[in-house]
Amino acid sequence: MADATNAKRMSMIVTKGTLDWAYPPFILATTAAAMGLEVSMFFTFYGLWLLRKKLDLEVSPLGNPAMKMPLGGMHIAMPNLLAALPGATALASSMMKDMIRKKGIASVEELRNLALESDVKMIACQMTMDLFEIKREDLIDGPVLGGAATYIESATQSDINLYI
């Protein structure tokens, strides 16, 4: 592992706030932190929703042709026509949450807490908070407030930069 003066760094911009898009940034952040990297995550636009105290994440099958759910020993894709029907998002979300639970996969909340415990620096985009009228008290404890300059400062010092 690198010492503190020579630690590798990773930064990422988190822009998506759906259940399926919540997993990659937190898995990558906690894995990198466990490997000794200094990690920062910049949550902007819909990604900011992942920092809210109460998560009510959904997954949308609409416009997601790669989304195939295991059903009856096969993997079934939901056609866009069906995905556009009322209740399709709730059904897809329920199915995904059930698969996550059955497979024993950590929840987004658990991964988020692990990231905080691993000293991952989380930055909530102030402009996005202003735009969507999100108050600091709506967010979990831990993230700092910042803007594009805060992210760029972190990114220019990082060995790895990801856009998720």
C-alpha atoms as a PDB file:
ATOM      1  CA  MET A   1       0.000   0.000   0.000  1.00  0.00           C
ATOM      2  CA  ALA A   2       1.114   3.515  -0.714  1.00  0.00           C
ATOM      3  CA  ASP A   3       1.911   5.782   2.215  1.00  0.00           C
ATOM      4  CA  ALA A   4      -0.102   8.966   2.779  1.00  0.00           C
ATOM      5  CA  THR A   5       2.385  11.160   0.902  1.00  0.00           C
ATOM      6  CA  ASN A   6       2.422   8.917  -2.162  1.00  0.00           C
ATOM      7  CA  ALA A   7      -1.109   7.492  -2.140  1.00  0.00           C
ATOM      8  CA  LYS A   8      -2.827   6.887  -5.442  1.00  0.00           C
ATOM      9  CA  ARG A   9      -6.069   8.790  -5.881  1.00  0.00           C
ATOM     10  CA  MET A  10      -9.351   8.184  -7.650  1.00  0.00           C
ATOM     11  CA  SER A  11     -12.118  10.684  -8.282  1.00  0.00           C
ATOM     12  CA  MET A  12     -15.490  10.186  -9.852  1.00  0.00           C
ATOM     13  CA  ILE A  13     -18.494  12.184 -10.917  1.00  0.00           C
ATOM     14  CA  VAL A  14     -21.755  10.468  -9.937  1.00  0.00           C
ATOM     15  CA  THR A  15     -24.652  11.665 -12.106  1.00  0.00           C
ATOM     16  CA  LYS A  16     -27.284   8.928 -11.927  1.00  0.00           C
ATOM     17  CA  GLY A  17     -29.699   8.300  -9.077  1.00  0.00           C
ATOM     18  CA  THR A  18     -31.463   5.067  -9.979  1.00  0.00           C
ATOM     19  CA  LEU A  19     -31.091   1.755  -8.163  1.00  0.00           C
ATOM     20  CA  ASP A  20     -29.079   0.124 -10.950  1.00  0.00           C
ATOM     21  CA  TRP A  21     -26.782   3.134 -11.330  1.00  0.00           C
ATOM     22  CA  ALA A  22     -26.224   3.489  -7.554  1.00  0.00           C
ATOM     23  CA  TYR A  23     -24.179   0.302  -7.252  1.00  0.00           C
ATOM     24  CA  PRO A  24     -21.200   0.947  -9.584  1.00  0.00           C
ATOM     25  CA  PRO A  25     -19.903   4.149  -7.948  1.00  0.00           C
ATOM     26  CA  PHE A  26     -20.190   2.835  -4.391  1.00  0.00           C
ATOM     27  CA  ILE A  27     -18.680  -0.554  -5.258  1.00  0.00           C
ATOM     28  CA  LEU A  28     -15.778   1.091  -7.097  1.00  0.00           C
ATOM     29  CA  ALA A  29     -15.238   3.668  -4.334  1.00  0.00           C
ATOM     30  CA  THR A  30     -15.218   1.149  -1.477  1.00  0.00           C
ATOM     31  CA  THR A  31     -12.999  -1.270  -3.415  1.00  0.00           C
ATOM     32  CA  ALA A  32     -10.505   1.470  -4.274  1.00  0.00           C
ATOM     33  CA  ALA A  33     -10.483   2.676  -0.664  1.00  0.00           C
ATOM     34  CA  ALA A  34      -9.858  -0.894   0.540  1.00  0.00           C
ATOM     35  CA  MET A  35      -6.908  -1.036  -1.868  1.00  0.00           C
ATOM     36  CA  GLY A  36      -5.405   2.063  -0.278  1.00  0.00           C
ATOM     37  CA  LEU A  37      -6.485   4.742  -2.749  1.00  0.00           C
ATOM     38  CA  GLU A  38      -7.741   8.129  -1.639  1.00  0.00           C
ATOM     39  CA  VAL A  39     -11.219   8.410  -3.162  1.00  0.00           C
ATOM     40  CA  SER A  40     -13.499  11.354  -3.801  1.00  0.00           C
ATOM     41  CA  MET A  41     -17.004  11.216  -5.225  1.00  0.00           C
ATOM     42  CA  PHE A  42     -18.713  14.297  -6.675  1.00  0.00           C
ATOM     43  CA  PHE A  43     -22.508  13.869  -6.631  1.00  0.00           C
ATOM     44  CA  THR A  44     -24.257  16.106  -9.131  1.00  0.00           C
ATOM     45  CA  PHE A  45     -27.645  16.289 -10.816  1.00  0.00           C
ATOM     46  CA  TYR A  46     -29.576  13.041 -10.251  1.00  0.00           C
ATOM     47  CA  GLY A  47     -26.591  11.417  -8.550  1.00  0.00           C
ATOM     48  CA  LEU A  48     -27.150  13.819  -5.663  1.00  0.00           C
ATOM     49  CA  TRP A  49     -30.272  11.818  -4.745  1.00  0.00           C
ATOM     50  CA  LEU A  50     -27.941   9.022  -3.566  1.00  0.00           C
ATOM     51  CA  LEU A  51     -26.917  11.229  -0.644  1.00  0.00           C
ATOM     52  CA  ARG A  52     -30.426  11.773   0.650  1.00  0.00           C
ATOM     53  CA  LYS A  53     -31.210  10.386   4.102  1.00  0.00           C
ATOM     54  CA  LYS A  54     -34.132   8.353   2.836  1.00  0.00           C
ATOM     55  CA  LEU A  55     -33.464   6.423  -0.335  1.00  0.00           C
ATOM     56  CA  ASP A  56     -36.394   5.287  -2.436  1.00  0.00           C
ATOM     57  CA  LEU A  57     -34.508   4.137  -5.509  1.00  0.00           C
ATOM     58  CA  GLU A  58     -36.116   2.671  -8.591  1.00  0.00           C
ATOM     59  CA  VAL A  59     -34.854   1.126 -11.783  1.00  0.00           C
ATOM     60  CA  SER A  60     -36.453   1.995 -15.100  1.00  0.00           C
ATOM     61  CA  PRO A  61     -36.742  -0.617 -17.810  1.00  0.00           C
ATOM     62  CA  LEU A  62     -37.746   2.063 -20.324  1.00  0.00           C
ATOM     63  CA  GLY A  63     -35.017   2.586 -22.902  1.00  0.00           C
ATOM     64  CA  ASN A  64     -32.838  -0.065 -21.259  1.00  0.00           C
ATOM     65  CA  PRO A  65     -32.691  -2.954 -23.747  1.00  0.00           C
ATOM     66  CA  ALA A  66     -29.835  -4.629 -21.860  1.00  0.00           C
ATOM     67  CA  MET A  67     -32.056  -5.105 -18.810  1.00  0.00           C
ATOM     68  CA  LYS A  68     -32.929  -8.776 -18.767  1.00  0.00           C
ATOM     69  CA  MET A  69     -34.385 -10.263 -15.599  1.00  0.00           C
ATOM     70  CA  PRO A  70     -34.084 -13.930 -14.642  1.00  0.00           C
ATOM     71  CA  LEU A  71     -37.478 -15.570 -14.909  1.00  0.00           C
ATOM     72  CA  GLY A  72     -38.259 -19.251 -15.115  1.00  0.00           C
ATOM     73  CA  GLY A  73     -34.671 -20.265 -15.839  1.00  0.00           C
ATOM     74  CA  MET A  74     -34.334 -17.738 -18.679  1.00  0.00           C
ATOM     75  CA  HIS A  75     -33.500 -14.053 -18.952  1.00  0.00           C
ATOM     76  CA  ILE A  76     -36.448 -12.039 -20.200  1.00  0.00           C
ATOM     77  CA  ALA A  77     -36.160  -8.525 -21.644  1.00  0.00           C
ATOM     78  CA  MET A  78     -39.027  -6.122 -21.197  1.00  0.00           C
ATOM     79  CA  PRO A  79     -39.997  -4.497 -24.509  1.00  0.00           C
ATOM     80  CA  ASN A  80     -40.167  -0.695 -24.457  1.00  0.00           C
ATOM     81  CA  LEU A  81     -43.889  -0.841 -25.164  1.00  0.00           C
ATOM     82  CA  LEU A  82     -44.489  -2.755 -21.916  1.00  0.00           C
ATOM     83  CA  ALA A  83     -41.928  -0.659 -20.038  1.00  0.00           C
ATOM     84  CA  ALA A  84     -43.956   2.459 -20.823  1.00  0.00           C
ATOM     85  CA  LEU A  85     -47.068   1.090 -19.110  1.00  0.00           C
ATOM     86  CA  PRO A  86     -48.033   2.401 -15.660  1.00  0.00           C
ATOM     87  CA  GLY A  87     -46.535   0.234 -12.933  1.00  0.00           C
ATOM     88  CA  ALA A  88     -43.669  -1.121 -15.071  1.00  0.00           C
ATOM     89  CA  THR A  89     -41.026   0.846 -13.145  1.00  0.00           C
ATOM     90  CA  ALA A  90     -42.448  -0.317  -9.809  1.00  0.00           C
ATOM     91  CA  LEU A  91     -42.494  -3.927 -11.032  1.00  0.00           C
ATOM     92  CA  ALA A  92     -38.926  -3.776 -12.365  1.00  0.00           C
ATOM     93  CA  SER A  93     -37.742  -2.094  -9.156  1.00  0.00           C
ATOM     94  CA  SER A  94     -39.450  -4.689  -7.001  1.00  0.00           C
ATOM     95  CA  MET A  95     -37.917  -7.518  -9.030  1.00  0.00           C
ATOM     96  CA  MET A  96     -34.429  -5.979  -8.793  1.00  0.00           C
ATOM     97  CA  LYS A  97     -34.707  -5.385  -5.041  1.00  0.00           C
ATOM     98  CA  ASP A  98     -35.902  -8.965  -4.569  1.00  0.00           C
ATOM     99  CA  MET A  99     -32.926 -10.322  -6.567  1.00  0.00           C
ATOM    100  CA  ILE A 100     -30.514  -8.178  -4.535  1.00  0.00           C
ATOM    101  CA  ARG A 101     -32.021  -9.463  -1.286  1.00  0.00           C
ATOM    102  CA  LYS A 102     -32.055 -13.128  -2.394  1.00  0.00           C
ATOM    103  CA  LYS A 103     -28.427 -12.998  -3.559  1.00  0.00           C
ATOM    104  CA  GLY A 104     -27.292 -11.383  -0.285  1.00  0.00           C
ATOM    105  CA  ILE A 105     -25.897  -8.304  -2.018  1.00  0.00           C
ATOM    106  CA  ALA A 106     -25.290  -5.291   0.189  1.00  0.00           C
ATOM    107  CA  SER A 107     -27.867  -2.544  -0.031  1.00  0.00           C
ATOM    108  CA  VAL A 108     -27.001   0.881  -1.416  1.00  0.00           C
ATOM    109  CA  GLU A 109     -27.310   2.267   2.122  1.00  0.00           C
ATOM    110  CA  GLU A 110     -24.811  -0.322   3.399  1.00  0.00           C
ATOM    111  CA  LEU A 111     -22.355   0.465   0.608  1.00  0.00           C
ATOM    112  CA  ARG A 112     -22.778   4.190   1.198  1.00  0.00           C
ATOM    113  CA  ASN A 113     -22.058   3.732   4.918  1.00  0.00           C
ATOM    114  CA  LEU A 114     -19.036   1.586   4.109  1.00  0.00           C
ATOM    115  CA  ALA A 115     -17.742   4.346   1.828  1.00  0.00           C
ATOM    116  CA  LEU A 116     -18.080   6.869   4.667  1.00  0.00           C
ATOM    117  CA  GLU A 117     -16.363   4.495   7.106  1.00  0.00           C
ATOM    118  CA  SER A 118     -13.566   4.056   4.540  1.00  0.00           C
ATOM    119  CA  ASP A 119     -12.953   7.827   4.477  1.00  0.00           C
ATOM    120  CA  VAL A 120     -14.241   8.249   0.937  1.00  0.00           C
ATOM    121  CA  LYS A 121     -14.693  11.991   0.449  1.00  0.00           C
ATOM    122  CA  MET A 122     -18.215  12.678  -0.759  1.00  0.00           C
ATOM    123  CA  ILE A 123     -18.948  16.071  -2.283  1.00  0.00           C
ATOM    124  CA  ALA A 124     -22.542  17.231  -2.764  1.00  0.00           C
ATOM    125  CA  CYS A 125     -22.864  19.679  -5.663  1.00  0.00           C
ATOM    126  CA  GLN A 126     -24.071  22.978  -4.254  1.00  0.00           C
ATOM    127  CA  MET A 127     -25.425  24.162  -7.630  1.00  0.00           C
ATOM    128  CA  THR A 128     -27.511  20.991  -7.963  1.00  0.00           C
ATOM    129  CA  MET A 129     -28.812  21.453  -4.432  1.00  0.00           C
ATOM    130  CA  ASP A 130     -29.867  24.993  -5.318  1.00  0.00           C
ATOM    131  CA  LEU A 131     -31.380  23.893  -8.639  1.00  0.00           C
ATOM    132  CA  PHE A 132     -33.497  21.106  -7.142  1.00  0.00           C
ATOM    133  CA  GLU A 133     -34.142  22.956  -3.862  1.00  0.00           C
ATOM    134  CA  ILE A 134     -32.460  20.292  -1.737  1.00  0.00           C
ATOM    135  CA  LYS A 135     -31.525  21.390   1.770  1.00  0.00           C
ATOM    136  CA  ARG A 136     -28.394  20.273   3.634  1.00  0.00           C
ATOM    137  CA  GLU A 137     -30.593  18.642   6.262  1.00  0.00           C
ATOM    138  CA  ASP A 138     -32.086  16.402   3.527  1.00  0.00           C
ATOM    139  CA  LEU A 139     -28.675  14.763   3.093  1.00  0.00           C
ATOM    140  CA  ILE A 140     -26.841  12.214   5.203  1.00  0.00           C
ATOM    141  CA  ASP A 141     -24.057  13.368   7.505  1.00  0.00           C
ATOM    142  CA  GLY A 142     -20.605  13.232   5.997  1.00  0.00           C
ATOM    143  CA  PRO A 143     -20.653  14.802   2.542  1.00  0.00           C
ATOM    144  CA  VAL A 144     -19.123  18.239   2.116  1.00  0.00           C
ATOM    145  CA  LEU A 145     -20.649  20.888  -0.129  1.00  0.00           C
ATOM    146  CA  GLY A 146     -18.746  21.998  -3.211  1.00  0.00           C
ATOM    147  CA  GLY A 147     -18.958  22.888  -6.837  1.00  0.00           C
ATOM    148  CA  ALA A 148     -17.252  22.151 -10.115  1.00  0.00           C
ATOM    149  CA  ALA A 149     -14.017  23.748  -8.920  1.00  0.00           C
ATOM    150  CA  THR A 150     -13.963  21.381  -5.938  1.00  0.00           C
ATOM    151  CA  TYR A 151     -14.288  18.398  -8.254  1.00  0.00           C
ATOM    152  CA  ILE A 152     -11.693  19.710 -10.712  1.00  0.00           C
ATOM    153  CA  GLU A 153      -9.210  20.292  -7.902  1.00  0.00           C
ATOM    154  CA  SER A 154      -9.661  16.669  -6.848  1.00  0.00           C
ATOM    155  CA  ALA A 155      -9.601  15.342 -10.417  1.00  0.00           C
ATOM    156  CA  THR A 156      -6.360  17.101 -11.345  1.00  0.00           C
ATOM    157  CA  GLN A 157      -4.658  15.362  -8.418  1.00  0.00           C
ATOM    158  CA  SER A 158      -6.105  11.924  -9.211  1.00  0.00           C
ATOM    159  CA  ASP A 159      -4.568   8.999 -11.049  1.00  0.00           C
ATOM    160  CA  ILE A 160      -8.027   7.670 -12.004  1.00  0.00           C
ATOM    161  CA  ASN A 161     -11.034   9.798 -13.003  1.00  0.00           C
ATOM    162  CA  LEU A 162     -14.408   8.197 -13.654  1.00  0.00           C
ATOM    163  CA  TYR A 163     -17.719   9.553 -14.933  1.00  0.00           C
ATOM    164  CA  ILE A 164     -20.627   7.399 -13.796  1.00  0.00           C
END
